[in-house]
């Protein structure tokens, strides 16, 4: 998955105000990554619990003990799992 500065991840959720729904995961070292809500909530119970409340078009989920290189690898793994079915 790419950093938010590299582009927005595609989402399967409906458009709101011509924007796709995304979850922004913020790392301890200040990086942020955009992820489809369906992927984030399916793959992480913690993120799912944090997103239980209505959060609008975009949600920032701080991950205080996670560094960007680690989260990048986790997102890469999630995407491989999705691609394999």
N, C-alpha and C. Protein backbone atom coordinates (compact mmCIF):
# COMPACT_ATOMS: atom_id res chain seq x y z
N UNK A 1 0.86 -1.17 0.00
CA UNK A 1 0.00 0.00 0.00
C UNK A 1 0.89 1.22 0.00
N UNK A 2 0.44 2.28 -0.54
CA UNK A 2 1.29 3.45 -0.67
C UNK A 2 1.03 4.47 0.42
N UNK A 3 2.03 5.28 0.65
CA UNK A 3 1.92 6.39 1.58
C UNK A 3 0.94 7.39 1.01
N UNK A 4 0.31 8.19 1.86
CA UNK A 4 -0.69 9.13 1.39
C UNK A 4 -0.10 10.16 0.44
N UNK A 5 1.21 10.41 0.52
CA UNK A 5 1.82 11.37 -0.39
C UNK A 5 1.98 10.78 -1.79
N UNK A 6 1.89 9.46 -1.93
CA UNK A 6 2.07 8.81 -3.22
C UNK A 6 0.76 8.60 -3.96
N UNK A 7 -0.35 8.77 -3.30
CA UNK A 7 -1.64 8.58 -3.96
C UNK A 7 -2.63 7.90 -3.06
N UNK A 8 -3.87 7.95 -3.47
CA UNK A 8 -4.95 7.40 -2.66
C UNK A 8 -5.26 5.99 -3.08
N UNK A 9 -5.47 5.13 -2.11
CA UNK A 9 -5.85 3.75 -2.38
C UNK A 9 -7.27 3.72 -2.89
N UNK A 10 -7.56 2.78 -3.77
CA UNK A 10 -8.93 2.67 -4.25
C UNK A 10 -9.80 2.06 -3.18
N UNK A 11 -11.06 2.42 -3.18
CA UNK A 11 -11.99 1.90 -2.17
C UNK A 11 -13.22 1.35 -2.86
N UNK A 12 -13.81 0.35 -2.25
CA UNK A 12 -15.01 -0.23 -2.82
C UNK A 12 -16.27 0.39 -2.22
N UNK A 13 -16.11 1.28 -1.27
CA UNK A 13 -17.26 1.90 -0.63
C UNK A 13 -17.83 3.02 -1.50
N UNK A 14 -19.06 3.43 -1.24
CA UNK A 14 -19.69 4.46 -2.06
C UNK A 14 -18.96 5.80 -1.97
N UNK A 15 -19.14 6.60 -2.99
CA UNK A 15 -18.54 7.93 -3.00
C UNK A 15 -19.38 8.88 -2.16
N UNK A 16 -18.70 9.74 -1.43
CA UNK A 16 -19.35 10.81 -0.69
C UNK A 16 -18.66 12.10 -1.11
N UNK A 17 -19.43 13.02 -1.66
CA UNK A 17 -18.87 14.29 -2.14
C UNK A 17 -17.71 14.05 -3.11
N UNK A 18 -17.88 13.07 -4.02
CA UNK A 18 -16.88 12.71 -5.03
C UNK A 18 -15.56 12.23 -4.44
N UNK A 19 -15.55 11.80 -3.19
CA UNK A 19 -14.35 11.25 -2.57
C UNK A 19 -14.63 9.84 -2.12
N UNK A 20 -13.65 8.98 -2.27
CA UNK A 20 -13.80 7.61 -1.80
C UNK A 20 -13.46 7.56 -0.33
N UNK A 21 -14.13 6.65 0.37
CA UNK A 21 -13.85 6.48 1.78
C UNK A 21 -12.47 5.85 1.96
N UNK A 22 -11.70 6.40 2.88
CA UNK A 22 -10.39 5.84 3.20
C UNK A 22 -10.18 5.93 4.70
N UNK A 23 -9.30 5.08 5.17
CA UNK A 23 -8.83 5.15 6.54
C UNK A 23 -7.36 5.55 6.44
N UNK A 24 -6.98 6.56 7.20
CA UNK A 24 -5.58 6.99 7.20
C UNK A 24 -4.95 6.46 8.48
N UNK A 25 -3.92 5.62 8.30
CA UNK A 25 -3.19 5.07 9.44
C UNK A 25 -1.95 5.92 9.65
N UNK A 26 -1.83 6.51 10.85
CA UNK A 26 -0.70 7.36 11.18
C UNK A 26 0.30 6.62 12.04
N UNK A 27 1.58 6.66 11.64
CA UNK A 27 2.62 5.95 12.38
C UNK A 27 3.29 6.85 13.40
N UNK A 28 4.06 6.24 14.28
CA UNK A 28 4.75 6.96 15.35
C UNK A 28 5.79 7.93 14.81
N UNK A 29 6.34 7.64 13.62
CA UNK A 29 7.36 8.52 13.05
C UNK A 29 6.78 9.55 12.08
N UNK A 30 5.46 9.76 12.14
CA UNK A 30 4.83 10.85 11.40
C UNK A 30 4.38 10.53 9.98
N UNK A 31 4.52 9.32 9.53
CA UNK A 31 4.06 8.94 8.19
C UNK A 31 2.57 8.58 8.26
N UNK A 32 1.90 8.64 7.11
CA UNK A 32 0.50 8.23 7.05
C UNK A 32 0.28 7.40 5.80
N UNK A 33 -0.62 6.43 5.92
CA UNK A 33 -0.93 5.50 4.84
C UNK A 33 -2.43 5.43 4.69
N UNK A 34 -2.92 5.52 3.44
CA UNK A 34 -4.35 5.41 3.17
C UNK A 34 -4.69 3.97 2.81
N UNK A 35 -5.76 3.47 3.44
CA UNK A 35 -6.16 2.09 3.28
C UNK A 35 -7.67 2.04 3.09
N UNK A 36 -8.14 1.09 2.30
CA UNK A 36 -9.58 0.89 2.18
C UNK A 36 -10.13 0.45 3.52
N UNK A 37 -11.23 1.02 3.98
CA UNK A 37 -11.81 0.60 5.27
C UNK A 37 -12.12 -0.89 5.32
N UNK A 38 -12.58 -1.46 4.22
CA UNK A 38 -12.93 -2.88 4.23
C UNK A 38 -11.71 -3.76 4.48
N UNK A 39 -10.56 -3.37 3.96
CA UNK A 39 -9.33 -4.13 4.19
C UNK A 39 -8.86 -3.95 5.63
N UNK A 40 -8.80 -2.69 6.07
CA UNK A 40 -8.29 -2.40 7.42
C UNK A 40 -9.12 -3.08 8.50
N UNK A 41 -10.42 -3.05 8.35
CA UNK A 41 -11.28 -3.63 9.39
C UNK A 41 -11.30 -5.15 9.32
N UNK A 42 -11.13 -5.72 8.14
CA UNK A 42 -11.09 -7.17 8.01
C UNK A 42 -9.79 -7.74 8.58
N UNK A 43 -8.68 -7.05 8.35
CA UNK A 43 -7.37 -7.56 8.73
C UNK A 43 -6.96 -7.20 10.16
N UNK A 44 -7.58 -6.19 10.75
CA UNK A 44 -7.16 -5.76 12.08
C UNK A 44 -8.35 -5.52 13.00
N UNK A 45 -8.45 -6.33 14.04
CA UNK A 45 -9.52 -6.16 15.02
C UNK A 45 -9.36 -4.83 15.76
N UNK A 46 -8.14 -4.42 16.00
CA UNK A 46 -7.90 -3.15 16.71
C UNK A 46 -8.43 -1.98 15.88
N UNK A 47 -8.09 -1.95 14.60
CA UNK A 47 -8.58 -0.87 13.74
C UNK A 47 -10.09 -0.95 13.62
N UNK A 48 -10.63 -2.14 13.51
CA UNK A 48 -12.08 -2.31 13.44
C UNK A 48 -12.75 -1.71 14.68
N UNK A 49 -12.22 -1.98 15.85
CA UNK A 49 -12.78 -1.43 17.08
C UNK A 49 -12.67 0.09 17.12
N UNK A 50 -11.58 0.64 16.64
CA UNK A 50 -11.40 2.09 16.63
C UNK A 50 -12.35 2.78 15.67
N UNK A 51 -12.78 2.07 14.64
CA UNK A 51 -13.66 2.66 13.62
C UNK A 51 -15.13 2.40 13.85
N UNK A 52 -15.50 1.81 14.99
CA UNK A 52 -16.89 1.51 15.26
C UNK A 52 -17.79 2.75 15.23
N UNK A 53 -17.26 3.89 15.63
CA UNK A 53 -18.08 5.11 15.62
C UNK A 53 -18.08 5.71 14.22
N UNK A 54 -19.10 6.51 13.91
CA UNK A 54 -19.21 7.19 12.62
C UNK A 54 -18.15 8.27 12.55
N UNK A 55 -17.30 8.19 11.53
CA UNK A 55 -16.15 9.09 11.47
C UNK A 55 -16.14 10.00 10.25
N UNK A 56 -17.16 9.99 9.43
CA UNK A 56 -17.18 10.87 8.27
C UNK A 56 -16.42 10.32 7.08
N UNK A 57 -15.96 11.22 6.19
CA UNK A 57 -15.33 10.82 4.93
C UNK A 57 -13.94 10.22 5.10
N UNK A 58 -13.17 10.71 6.04
CA UNK A 58 -11.81 10.23 6.23
C UNK A 58 -11.54 10.11 7.71
N UNK A 59 -10.85 9.08 8.07
CA UNK A 59 -10.57 8.81 9.47
C UNK A 59 -9.07 8.66 9.65
N UNK A 60 -8.51 9.31 10.66
CA UNK A 60 -7.10 9.14 10.97
C UNK A 60 -7.02 8.26 12.21
N UNK A 61 -6.32 7.14 12.07
CA UNK A 61 -6.14 6.21 13.17
C UNK A 61 -4.67 6.26 13.57
N UNK A 62 -4.37 6.83 14.73
CA UNK A 62 -2.97 6.86 15.17
C UNK A 62 -2.52 5.50 15.66
N UNK A 63 -1.35 5.08 15.23
CA UNK A 63 -0.75 3.83 15.66
C UNK A 63 0.56 4.19 16.37
N UNK A 64 0.48 4.51 17.67
CA UNK A 64 1.60 5.14 18.38
C UNK A 64 2.88 4.33 18.49
N UNK A 65 2.84 3.03 18.44
CA UNK A 65 4.07 2.24 18.59
C UNK A 65 4.49 1.56 17.29
N UNK A 66 3.98 2.03 16.16
CA UNK A 66 4.28 1.43 14.86
C UNK A 66 5.05 2.45 14.02
N UNK A 67 6.17 2.00 13.46
CA UNK A 67 6.99 2.85 12.59
C UNK A 67 6.60 2.58 11.14
N UNK A 68 6.82 3.56 10.27
CA UNK A 68 6.41 3.48 8.86
C UNK A 68 6.92 2.25 8.13
N UNK A 69 8.20 1.87 8.26
CA UNK A 69 8.65 0.68 7.52
C UNK A 69 7.90 -0.60 7.92
N UNK A 70 7.55 -0.70 9.18
CA UNK A 70 6.82 -1.87 9.67
C UNK A 70 5.40 -1.87 9.10
N UNK A 71 4.73 -0.73 9.17
CA UNK A 71 3.36 -0.64 8.65
C UNK A 71 3.35 -0.89 7.14
N UNK A 72 4.34 -0.40 6.43
CA UNK A 72 4.41 -0.63 4.99
C UNK A 72 4.47 -2.13 4.69
N UNK A 73 5.23 -2.88 5.46
CA UNK A 73 5.31 -4.34 5.27
C UNK A 73 3.99 -5.01 5.61
N UNK A 74 3.33 -4.56 6.67
CA UNK A 74 2.02 -5.11 7.05
C UNK A 74 1.01 -4.88 5.93
N UNK A 75 0.98 -3.67 5.39
CA UNK A 75 0.03 -3.36 4.32
C UNK A 75 0.35 -4.17 3.06
N UNK A 76 1.63 -4.39 2.79
CA UNK A 76 2.02 -5.23 1.66
C UNK A 76 1.49 -6.65 1.85
N UNK A 77 1.60 -7.17 3.06
CA UNK A 77 1.09 -8.50 3.38
C UNK A 77 -0.43 -8.56 3.20
N UNK A 78 -1.13 -7.55 3.74
CA UNK A 78 -2.59 -7.51 3.59
C UNK A 78 -2.99 -7.54 2.12
N UNK A 79 -2.31 -6.74 1.30
CA UNK A 79 -2.64 -6.69 -0.12
C UNK A 79 -2.37 -8.02 -0.80
N UNK A 80 -1.32 -8.71 -0.42
CA UNK A 80 -1.05 -10.04 -1.00
C UNK A 80 -2.15 -11.02 -0.61
N UNK A 81 -2.63 -10.94 0.62
CA UNK A 81 -3.72 -11.82 1.06
C UNK A 81 -4.98 -11.55 0.26
N UNK A 82 -5.27 -10.27 0.00
CA UNK A 82 -6.46 -9.90 -0.78
C UNK A 82 -6.32 -10.40 -2.21
N UNK A 83 -5.14 -10.23 -2.81
CA UNK A 83 -4.91 -10.65 -4.19
C UNK A 83 -5.05 -12.16 -4.37
N UNK A 84 -4.69 -12.91 -3.35
CA UNK A 84 -4.76 -14.37 -3.43
C UNK A 84 -6.16 -14.89 -3.19
N UNK A 85 -7.01 -14.04 -2.65
CA UNK A 85 -8.40 -14.46 -2.43
C UNK A 85 -8.59 -15.02 -1.14
